[in-house]
Amino acid sequence: KLDEVREALSELGASGLTVTEVKGFGRQKGHTELY
């Protein structure tokens, strides 16, 4: 969703922003995957 959010803020005239790749969890507490 990064590009959509960046475009929405640019349209409002936000002069700059900082983007960081992070990891975390909330209510979903992660998930299981099959590899």
Full PDB file with SEQRES, HELIX, SHEET, SSBOND, CRYST1, ORIGX, SCALE, CONECT and MASTER records, all heavy atoms in Angstrom:
SEQRES   1 A   35  LYS LEU ASP GLU VAL ARG GLU ALA LEU SER GLU LEU GLY          
SEQRES   2 A   35  ALA SER GLY LEU THR VAL THR GLU VAL LYS GLY PHE GLY          
SEQRES   3 A   35  ARG GLN LYS GLY HIS THR GLU LEU TYR                          
HELIX    1 AA1 LEU A    2  LEU A   12  1                                  11    
CRYST1    1.000    1.000    1.000  90.00  90.00  90.00 P 1           1          
ORIGX1      1.000000  0.000000  0.000000        0.00000                         
ORIGX2      0.000000  1.000000  0.000000        0.00000                         
ORIGX3      0.000000  0.000000  1.000000        0.00000                         
SCALE1      1.000000  0.000000  0.000000        0.00000                         
SCALE2      0.000000  1.000000  0.000000        0.00000                         
SCALE3      0.000000  0.000000  1.000000        0.00000                         
ATOM      1  N   LYS A   1       0.812  -1.216   0.000  1.00  0.00           N  
ATOM      2  CA  LYS A   1       0.000   0.000   0.000  1.00  0.00           C  
ATOM      3  C   LYS A   1       0.851   1.275   0.000  1.00  0.00           C  
ATOM      4  O   LYS A   1       0.336   2.374  -0.027  1.00  0.00           O  
ATOM      5  CB  LYS A   1      -0.928   0.016   1.224  1.00  0.00           C  
ATOM      6  CG  LYS A   1      -2.074  -0.960   1.121  1.00  0.00           C  
ATOM      7  CD  LYS A   1      -2.975  -0.532  -0.014  1.00  0.00           C  
ATOM      8  CE  LYS A   1      -4.339  -1.154   0.047  1.00  0.00           C  
ATOM      9  NZ  LYS A   1      -5.229  -0.568  -0.947  1.00  0.00           N  
ATOM     10  N   LEU A   2       2.174   1.122   0.003  1.00  0.00           N  
ATOM     11  CA  LEU A   2       3.067   2.277   0.096  1.00  0.00           C  
ATOM     12  C   LEU A   2       2.846   3.284  -1.018  1.00  0.00           C  
ATOM     13  O   LEU A   2       2.717   4.488  -0.769  1.00  0.00           O  
ATOM     14  CB  LEU A   2       4.531   1.830   0.116  1.00  0.00           C  
ATOM     15  CG  LEU A   2       5.567   2.956   0.077  1.00  0.00           C  
ATOM     16  CD1 LEU A   2       5.405   3.884   1.262  1.00  0.00           C  
ATOM     17  CD2 LEU A   2       6.968   2.384   0.021  1.00  0.00           C  
ATOM     18  N   ASP A   3       2.806   2.846  -2.271  1.00  0.00           N  
ATOM     19  CA  ASP A   3       2.655   3.787  -3.382  1.00  0.00           C  
ATOM     20  C   ASP A   3       1.351   4.560  -3.305  1.00  0.00           C  
ATOM     21  O   ASP A   3       1.320   5.771  -3.570  1.00  0.00           O  
ATOM     22  CB  ASP A   3       2.756   3.056  -4.727  1.00  0.00           C  
ATOM     23  CG  ASP A   3       4.182   2.636  -5.042  1.00  0.00           C  
ATOM     24  OD1 ASP A   3       5.117   3.274  -4.509  1.00  0.00           O  
ATOM     25  OD2 ASP A   3       4.364   1.668  -5.805  1.00  0.00           O  
ATOM     26  N   GLU A   4       0.270   3.893  -2.929  1.00  0.00           N  
ATOM     27  CA  GLU A   4      -1.019   4.576  -2.823  1.00  0.00           C  
ATOM     28  C   GLU A   4      -0.994   5.642  -1.727  1.00  0.00           C  
ATOM     29  O   GLU A   4      -1.507   6.743  -1.917  1.00  0.00           O  
ATOM     30  CB  GLU A   4      -2.129   3.566  -2.540  1.00  0.00           C  
ATOM     31  CG  GLU A   4      -2.395   2.621  -3.699  1.00  0.00           C  
ATOM     32  CD  GLU A   4      -3.415   1.561  -3.345  1.00  0.00           C  
ATOM     33  OE1 GLU A   4      -4.492   1.912  -2.810  1.00  0.00           O  
ATOM     34  OE2 GLU A   4      -3.133   0.373  -3.598  1.00  0.00           O  
ATOM     35  N   VAL A   5      -0.386   5.326  -0.596  1.00  0.00           N  
ATOM     36  CA  VAL A   5      -0.304   6.279   0.506  1.00  0.00           C  
ATOM     37  C   VAL A   5       0.596   7.452   0.120  1.00  0.00           C  
ATOM     38  O   VAL A   5       0.266   8.619   0.377  1.00  0.00           O  
ATOM     39  CB  VAL A   5       0.193   5.595   1.798  1.00  0.00           C  
ATOM     40  CG1 VAL A   5       0.469   6.615   2.891  1.00  0.00           C  
ATOM     41  CG2 VAL A   5      -0.827   4.567   2.265  1.00  0.00           C  
ATOM     42  N   ARG A   6       1.722   7.164  -0.504  1.00  0.00           N  
ATOM     43  CA  ARG A   6       2.634   8.238  -0.931  1.00  0.00           C  
ATOM     44  C   ARG A   6       1.940   9.186  -1.898  1.00  0.00           C  
ATOM     45  O   ARG A   6       2.043  10.408  -1.768  1.00  0.00           O  
ATOM     46  CB  ARG A   6       3.882   7.647  -1.583  1.00  0.00           C  
ATOM     47  CG  ARG A   6       4.915   8.706  -1.978  1.00  0.00           C  
ATOM     48  CD  ARG A   6       6.026   8.125  -2.820  1.00  0.00           C  
ATOM     49  NE  ARG A   6       5.565   7.367  -3.961  1.00  0.00           N  
ATOM     50  CZ  ARG A   6       5.144   7.912  -5.117  1.00  0.00           C  
ATOM     51  NH1 ARG A   6       5.100   9.212  -5.262  1.00  0.00           N  
ATOM     52  NH2 ARG A   6       4.771   7.138  -6.118  1.00  0.00           N  
ATOM     53  N   GLU A   7       1.219   8.637  -2.866  1.00  0.00           N  
ATOM     54  CA  GLU A   7       0.503   9.473  -3.829  1.00  0.00           C  
ATOM     55  C   GLU A   7      -0.571  10.313  -3.158  1.00  0.00           C  
ATOM     56  O   GLU A   7      -0.734  11.491  -3.477  1.00  0.00           O  
ATOM     57  CB  GLU A   7      -0.117   8.601  -4.925  1.00  0.00           C  
ATOM     58  CG  GLU A   7       0.907   8.019  -5.875  1.00  0.00           C  
ATOM     59  CD  GLU A   7       0.324   6.973  -6.824  1.00  0.00           C  
ATOM     60  OE1 GLU A   7      -0.924   6.866  -6.913  1.00  0.00           O  
ATOM     61  OE2 GLU A   7       1.117   6.261  -7.468  1.00  0.00           O  
ATOM     62  N   ALA A   8      -1.287   9.724  -2.208  1.00  0.00           N  
ATOM     63  CA  ALA A   8      -2.338  10.463  -1.501  1.00  0.00           C  
ATOM     64  C   ALA A   8      -1.750  11.633  -0.714  1.00  0.00           C  
ATOM     65  O   ALA A   8      -2.306  12.737  -0.720  1.00  0.00           O  
ATOM     66  CB  ALA A   8      -3.090   9.525  -0.566  1.00  0.00           C  
ATOM     67  N   LEU A   9      -0.605  11.411  -0.061  1.00  0.00           N  
ATOM     68  CA  LEU A   9       0.028  12.494   0.695  1.00  0.00           C  
ATOM     69  C   LEU A   9       0.616  13.552  -0.227  1.00  0.00           C  
ATOM     70  O   LEU A   9       0.569  14.743   0.071  1.00  0.00           O  
ATOM     71  CB  LEU A   9       1.102  11.930   1.626  1.00  0.00           C  
ATOM     72  CG  LEU A   9       0.583  11.131   2.823  1.00  0.00           C  
ATOM     73  CD1 LEU A   9       1.736  10.452   3.548  1.00  0.00           C  
ATOM     74  CD2 LEU A   9      -0.203  12.025   3.769  1.00  0.00           C  
ATOM     75  N   SER A  10       1.149  13.138  -1.366  1.00  0.00           N  
ATOM     76  CA  SER A  10       1.702  14.096  -2.332  1.00  0.00           C  
ATOM     77  C   SER A  10       0.610  15.010  -2.877  1.00  0.00           C  
ATOM     78  O   SER A  10       0.831  16.203  -3.061  1.00  0.00           O  
ATOM     79  CB  SER A  10       2.383  13.366  -3.482  1.00  0.00           C  
ATOM     80  OG  SER A  10       3.524  12.694  -3.018  1.00  0.00           O  
ATOM     81  N   GLU A  11      -0.569  14.446  -3.133  1.00  0.00           N  
ATOM     82  CA  GLU A  11      -1.689  15.248  -3.630  1.00  0.00           C  
ATOM     83  C   GLU A  11      -2.119  16.310  -2.628  1.00  0.00           C  
ATOM     84  O   GLU A  11      -2.603  17.364  -3.006  1.00  0.00           O  
ATOM     85  CB  GLU A  11      -2.875  14.350  -3.967  1.00  0.00           C  
ATOM     86  CG  GLU A  11      -2.670  13.535  -5.226  1.00  0.00           C  
ATOM     87  CD  GLU A  11      -3.805  12.542  -5.486  1.00  0.00           C  
ATOM     88  OE1 GLU A  11      -4.839  12.623  -4.798  1.00  0.00           O  
ATOM     89  OE2 GLU A  11      -3.629  11.691  -6.379  1.00  0.00           O  
ATOM     90  N   LEU A  12      -1.927  16.037  -1.334  1.00  0.00           N  
ATOM     91  CA  LEU A  12      -2.280  17.003  -0.297  1.00  0.00           C  
ATOM     92  C   LEU A  12      -1.221  18.090  -0.142  1.00  0.00           C  
ATOM     93  O   LEU A  12      -1.453  19.075   0.536  1.00  0.00           O  
ATOM     94  CB  LEU A  12      -2.453  16.296   1.048  1.00  0.00           C  
ATOM     95  CG  LEU A  12      -3.643  15.374   1.182  1.00  0.00           C  
ATOM     96  CD1 LEU A  12      -3.627  14.721   2.558  1.00  0.00           C  
ATOM     97  CD2 LEU A  12      -4.934  16.120   0.974  1.00  0.00           C  
ATOM     98  N   GLY A  13      -0.063  17.869  -0.719  1.00  0.00           N  
ATOM     99  CA  GLY A  13       1.006  18.849  -0.612  1.00  0.00           C  
ATOM    100  C   GLY A  13       2.004  18.570   0.490  1.00  0.00           C  
ATOM    101  O   GLY A  13       2.724  19.472   0.911  1.00  0.00           O  
ATOM    102  N   ALA A  14       2.051  17.345   0.966  1.00  0.00           N  
ATOM    103  CA  ALA A  14       3.067  16.995   1.962  1.00  0.00           C  
ATOM    104  C   ALA A  14       4.436  17.167   1.334  1.00  0.00           C  
ATOM    105  O   ALA A  14       4.712  16.630   0.266  1.00  0.00           O  
ATOM    106  CB  ALA A  14       2.868  15.561   2.452  1.00  0.00           C  
ATOM    107  N   SER A  15       5.293  17.928   1.995  1.00  0.00           N  
ATOM    108  CA  SER A  15       6.568  18.293   1.380  1.00  0.00           C  
ATOM    109  C   SER A  15       7.615  17.191   1.432  1.00  0.00           C  
ATOM    110  O   SER A  15       8.594  17.239   0.705  1.00  0.00           O  
ATOM    111  CB  SER A  15       7.123  19.550   2.046  1.00  0.00           C  
ATOM    112  OG  SER A  15       7.291  19.330   3.422  1.00  0.00           O  
ATOM    113  N   GLY A  16       7.429  16.206   2.278  1.00  0.00           N  
ATOM    114  CA  GLY A  16       8.392  15.117   2.349  1.00  0.00           C  
ATOM    115  C   GLY A  16       7.943  14.090   3.349  1.00  0.00           C  
ATOM    116  O   GLY A  16       7.085  14.363   4.192  1.00  0.00           O  
ATOM    117  N   LEU A  17       8.509  12.909   3.233  1.00  0.00           N  
ATOM    118  CA  LEU A  17       8.179  11.864   4.190  1.00  0.00           C  
ATOM    119  C   LEU A  17       9.335  10.900   4.289  1.00  0.00           C  
ATOM    120  O   LEU A  17      10.195  10.846   3.421  1.00  0.00           O  
ATOM    121  CB  LEU A  17       6.880  11.138   3.825  1.00  0.00           C  
ATOM    122  CG  LEU A  17       6.752  10.492   2.450  1.00  0.00           C  
ATOM    123  CD1 LEU A  17       7.073   9.015   2.528  1.00  0.00           C  
ATOM    124  CD2 LEU A  17       5.322  10.665   1.978  1.00  0.00           C  
ATOM    125  N   THR A  18       9.335  10.145   5.374  1.00  0.00           N  
ATOM    126  CA  THR A  18      10.361   9.140   5.612  1.00  0.00           C  
ATOM    127  C   THR A  18       9.706   7.773   5.626  1.00  0.00           C  
ATOM    128  O   THR A  18       8.656   7.594   6.237  1.00  0.00           O  
ATOM    129  CB  THR A  18      11.057   9.393   6.964  1.00  0.00           C  
ATOM    130  OG1 THR A  18      11.626  10.696   6.947  1.00  0.00           O  
ATOM    131  CG2 THR A  18      12.148   8.360   7.219  1.00  0.00           C  
ATOM    132  N   VAL A  19      10.311   6.816   4.941  1.00  0.00           N  
ATOM    133  CA  VAL A  19       9.771   5.467   4.863  1.00  0.00           C  
ATOM    134  C   VAL A  19      10.816   4.494   5.416  1.00  0.00           C  
ATOM    135  O   VAL A  19      11.985   4.555   5.046  1.00  0.00           O  
ATOM    136  CB  VAL A  19       9.431   5.092   3.403  1.00  0.00           C  
ATOM    137  CG1 VAL A  19       8.966   3.653   3.300  1.00  0.00           C  
ATOM    138  CG2 VAL A  19       8.385   6.039   2.840  1.00  0.00           C  
ATOM    139  N   THR A  20      10.364   3.593   6.285  1.00  0.00           N  
ATOM    140  CA  THR A  20      11.242   2.597   6.885  1.00  0.00           C  
ATOM    141  C   THR A  20      10.586   1.228   6.791  1.00  0.00           C  
ATOM    142  O   THR A  20       9.389   1.105   7.024  1.00  0.00           O  
ATOM    143  CB  THR A  20      11.482   2.911   8.384  1.00  0.00           C  
ATOM    144  OG1 THR A  20      11.846   4.278   8.530  1.00  0.00           O  
ATOM    145  CG2 THR A  20      12.563   2.033   8.961  1.00  0.00           C  
ATOM    146  N   GLU A  21      11.366   0.221   6.430  1.00  0.00           N  
ATOM    147  CA  GLU A  21      10.858  -1.142   6.449  1.00  0.00           C  
ATOM    148  C   GLU A  21      10.992  -1.655   7.874  1.00  0.00           C  
ATOM    149  O   GLU A  21      12.068  -1.626   8.458  1.00  0.00           O  
ATOM    150  CB  GLU A  21      11.662  -2.035   5.504  1.00  0.00           C  
ATOM    151  CG  GLU A  21      11.453  -1.700   4.045  1.00  0.00           C  
ATOM    152  CD  GLU A  21      12.235  -2.613   3.110  1.00  0.00           C  
ATOM    153  OE1 GLU A  21      12.718  -3.669   3.564  1.00  0.00           O  
ATOM    154  OE2 GLU A  21      12.349  -2.259   1.938  1.00  0.00           O  
ATOM    155  N   VAL A  22       9.871  -2.115   8.437  1.00  0.00           N  
ATOM    156  CA  VAL A  22       9.863  -2.597   9.813  1.00  0.00           C  
ATOM    157  C   VAL A  22       9.185  -3.961   9.880  1.00  0.00           C  
ATOM    158  O   VAL A  22       8.576  -4.407   8.911  1.00  0.00           O  
ATOM    159  CB  VAL A  22       9.147  -1.598  10.761  1.00  0.00           C  
ATOM    160  CG1 VAL A  22       9.898  -0.291  10.838  1.00  0.00           C  
ATOM    161  CG2 VAL A  22       7.711  -1.372  10.324  1.00  0.00           C  
ATOM    162  N   LYS A  23       9.306  -4.603  11.021  1.00  0.00           N  
ATOM    163  CA  LYS A  23       8.601  -5.869  11.260  1.00  0.00           C  
ATOM    164  C   LYS A  23       7.895  -5.763  12.591  1.00  0.00           C  
ATOM    165  O   LYS A  23       8.392  -5.115  13.509  1.00  0.00           O  
ATOM    166  CB  LYS A  23       9.586  -7.045  11.293  1.00  0.00           C  
ATOM    167  CG  LYS A  23      10.178  -7.358   9.954  1.00  0.00           C  
ATOM    168  CD  LYS A  23      11.050  -8.580  10.038  1.00  0.00           C  
ATOM    169  CE  LYS A  23      11.607  -8.897   8.663  1.00  0.00           C  
ATOM    170  NZ  LYS A  23      12.190 -10.217   8.594  1.00  0.00           N  
ATOM    171  N   GLY A  24       6.744  -6.405  12.691  1.00  0.00           N  
ATOM    172  CA  GLY A  24       6.024  -6.366  13.948  1.00  0.00           C  
ATOM    173  C   GLY A  24       4.766  -7.201  13.876  1.00  0.00           C  
ATOM    174  O   GLY A  24       4.511  -7.884  12.887  1.00  0.00           O  
ATOM    175  N   PHE A  25       3.989  -7.124  14.949  1.00  0.00           N  
ATOM    176  CA  PHE A  25       2.703  -7.813  14.964  1.00  0.00           C  
ATOM    177  C   PHE A  25       1.756  -7.067  15.869  1.00  0.00           C  
ATOM    178  O   PHE A  25       2.169  -6.342  16.768  1.00  0.00           O  
ATOM    179  CB  PHE A  25       2.839  -9.276  15.401  1.00  0.00           C  
ATOM    180  CG  PHE A  25       3.223  -9.453  16.842  1.00  0.00           C  
ATOM    181  CD1 PHE A  25       2.252  -9.524  17.830  1.00  0.00           C  
ATOM    182  CD2 PHE A  25       4.551  -9.564  17.196  1.00  0.00           C  
ATOM    183  CE1 PHE A  25       2.608  -9.690  19.152  1.00  0.00           C  
ATOM    184  CE2 PHE A  25       4.914  -9.737  18.517  1.00  0.00           C  
ATOM    185  CZ  PHE A  25       3.943  -9.793  19.501  1.00  0.00           C  
ATOM    186  N   GLY A  26       0.487  -7.247  15.616  1.00  0.00           N  
ATOM    187  CA  GLY A  26      -0.559  -6.681  16.451  1.00  0.00           C  
ATOM    188  C   GLY A  26      -1.449  -7.801  16.916  1.00  0.00           C  
ATOM    189  O   GLY A  26      -0.975  -8.838  17.382  1.00  0.00           O  
ATOM    190  N   ARG A  27      -2.741  -7.633  16.708  1.00  0.00           N  
ATOM    191  CA  ARG A  27      -3.697  -8.647  17.132  1.00  0.00           C  
ATOM    192  C   ARG A  27      -3.526  -9.965  16.399  1.00  0.00           C  
ATOM    193  O   ARG A  27      -3.826 -11.018  16.914  1.00  0.00           O  
ATOM    194  CB  ARG A  27      -5.117  -8.152  16.907  1.00  0.00           C  
ATOM    195  CG  ARG A  27      -5.518  -7.092  17.863  1.00  0.00           C  
ATOM    196  CD  ARG A  27      -6.968  -6.762  17.664  1.00  0.00           C  
ATOM    197  NE  ARG A  27      -7.336  -5.663  18.525  1.00  0.00           N  
ATOM    198  CZ  ARG A  27      -8.377  -4.905  18.337  1.00  0.00           C  
ATOM    199  NH1 ARG A  27      -9.164  -5.117  17.313  1.00  0.00           N  
ATOM    200  NH2 ARG A  27      -8.648  -3.927  19.167  1.00  0.00           N  
ATOM    201  N   GLN A  28      -3.015  -9.899  15.172  1.00  0.00           N  
ATOM    202  CA  GLN A  28      -2.923 -11.125  14.384  1.00  0.00           C  
ATOM    203  C   GLN A  28      -1.833 -12.073  14.870  1.00  0.00           C  
ATOM    204  O   GLN A  28      -1.818 -13.244  14.547  1.00  0.00           O  
ATOM    205  CB  GLN A  28      -2.752 -10.790  12.905  1.00  0.00           C  
ATOM    206  CG  GLN A  28      -1.484 -10.036  12.595  1.00  0.00           C  
ATOM    207  CD  GLN A  28      -1.502  -9.394  11.237  1.00  0.00           C  
ATOM    208  OE1 GLN A  28      -1.330  -8.214  11.104  1.00  0.00           O  
ATOM    209  NE2 GLN A  28      -1.718 -10.169  10.212  1.00  0.00           N  
ATOM    210  N   LYS A  29      -0.886 -11.579  15.654  1.00  0.00           N  
ATOM    211  CA  LYS A  29       0.164 -12.402  16.274  1.00  0.00           C  
ATOM    212  C   LYS A  29       0.933 -13.264  15.286  1.00  0.00           C  
ATOM    213  O   LYS A  29       1.307 -14.377  15.582  1.00  0.00           O  
ATOM    214  CB  LYS A  29      -0.447 -13.310  17.346  1.00  0.00           C  
ATOM    215  CG  LYS A  29      -1.218 -12.586  18.413  1.00  0.00           C  
ATOM    216  CD  LYS A  29      -0.304 -12.004  19.455  1.00  0.00           C  
ATOM    217  CE  LYS A  29      -1.066 -11.505  20.646  1.00  0.00           C  
ATOM    218  NZ  LYS A  29      -1.486 -10.138  20.588  1.00  0.00           N  
ATOM    219  N   GLY A  30       1.160 -12.776  14.082  1.00  0.00           N  
ATOM    220  CA  GLY A  30       1.899 -13.549  13.095  1.00  0.00           C  
ATOM    221  C   GLY A  30       1.024 -14.609  12.451  1.00  0.00           C  
ATOM    222  O   GLY A  30      -0.189 -14.613  12.593  1.00  0.00           O  
ATOM    223  N   HIS A  31       1.648 -15.519  11.722  1.00  0.00           N  
ATOM    224  CA  HIS A  31       0.907 -16.589  11.064  1.00  0.00           C  
ATOM    225  C   HIS A  31       1.854 -17.747  10.759  1.00  0.00           C  
ATOM    226  O   HIS A  31       3.060 -17.627  10.908  1.00  0.00           O  
ATOM    227  CB  HIS A  31       0.240 -16.080   9.779  1.00  0.00           C  
ATOM    228  CG  HIS A  31       1.216 -15.633   8.732  1.00  0.00           C  
ATOM    229  ND1 HIS A  31       1.771 -14.385   8.736  1.00  0.00           N  
ATOM    230  CD2 HIS A  31       1.720 -16.272   7.658  1.00  0.00           C  
ATOM    231  CE1 HIS A  31       2.592 -14.268   7.698  1.00  0.00           C  
ATOM    232  NE2 HIS A  31       2.589 -15.395   7.027  1.00  0.00           N  
ATOM    233  N   THR A  32       1.306 -18.870  10.318  1.00  0.00           N  
ATOM    234  CA  THR A  32       2.138 -20.008   9.943  1.00  0.00           C  
ATOM    235  C   THR A  32       2.216 -20.108   8.432  1.00  0.00           C  
ATOM    236  O   THR A  32       1.277 -19.752   7.721  1.00  0.00           O  
ATOM    237  CB  THR A  32       1.568 -21.329  10.507  1.00  0.00           C  
ATOM    238  OG1 THR A  32       0.247 -21.501  10.009  1.00  0.00           O  
ATOM    239  CG2 THR A  32       1.539 -21.320  12.014  1.00  0.00           C  
ATOM    240  N   GLU A  33       3.346 -20.561   7.940  1.00  0.00           N  
ATOM    241  CA  GLU A  33       3.558 -20.751   6.505  1.00  0.00           C  
ATOM    242  C   GLU A  33       4.115 -22.136   6.268  1.00  0.00           C  
ATOM    243  O   GLU A  33       4.683 -22.760   7.170  1.00  0.00           O  
ATOM    244  CB  GLU A  33       4.511 -19.691   5.950  1.00  0.00           C  
ATOM    245  CG  GLU A  33       3.914 -18.310   5.889  1.00  0.00           C  
ATOM    246  CD  GLU A  33       4.802 -17.330   5.155  1.00  0.00           C  
ATOM    247  OE1 GLU A  33       5.849 -17.728   4.611  1.00  0.00           O  
ATOM    248  OE2 GLU A  33       4.449 -16.143   5.135  1.00  0.00           O  
ATOM    249  N   LEU A  34       3.974 -22.583   5.046  1.00  0.00           N  
ATOM    250  CA  LEU A  34       4.479 -23.892   4.650  1.00  0.00           C  
ATOM    251  C   LEU A  34       5.618 -23.687   3.662  1.00  0.00           C  
ATOM    252  O   LEU A  34       5.469 -22.973   2.672  1.00  0.00           O  
ATOM    253  CB  LEU A  34       3.345 -24.694   3.993  1.00  0.00           C  
ATOM    254  CG  LEU A  34       3.524 -26.191   3.891  1.00  0.00           C  
ATOM    255  CD1 LEU A  34       3.655 -26.807   5.282  1.00  0.00           C  
ATOM    256  CD2 LEU A  34       2.332 -26.794   3.162  1.00  0.00           C  
ATOM    257  N   TYR A  35       6.790 -24.239   3.945  1.00  0.00           N  
ATOM    258  CA  TYR A  35       7.941 -24.117   3.062  1.00  0.00           C  
ATOM    259  C   TYR A  35       8.566 -25.487   2.890  1.00  0.00           C  
ATOM    260  O   TYR A  35       9.025 -26.101   3.854  1.00  0.00           O  
ATOM    261  CB  TYR A  35       8.960 -23.127   3.640  1.00  0.00           C  
ATOM    262  CG  TYR A  35      10.173 -22.949   2.771  1.00  0.00           C  
ATOM    263  CD1 TYR A  35      10.103 -22.257   1.562  1.00  0.00           C  
ATOM    264  CD2 TYR A  35      11.403 -23.489   3.148  1.00  0.00           C  
ATOM    265  CE1 TYR A  35      11.221 -22.099   0.769  1.00  0.00           C  
ATOM    266  CE2 TYR A  35      12.527 -23.330   2.360  1.00  0.00           C  
ATOM    267  CZ  TYR A  35      12.423 -22.634   1.169  1.00  0.00           C  
ATOM    268  OH  TYR A  35      13.522 -22.479   0.374  1.00  0.00           O  
TER     269      TYR A  35                                                      
MASTER        0    0    0    1    0    0    0    6  268    1    0    3          
END                                                                             
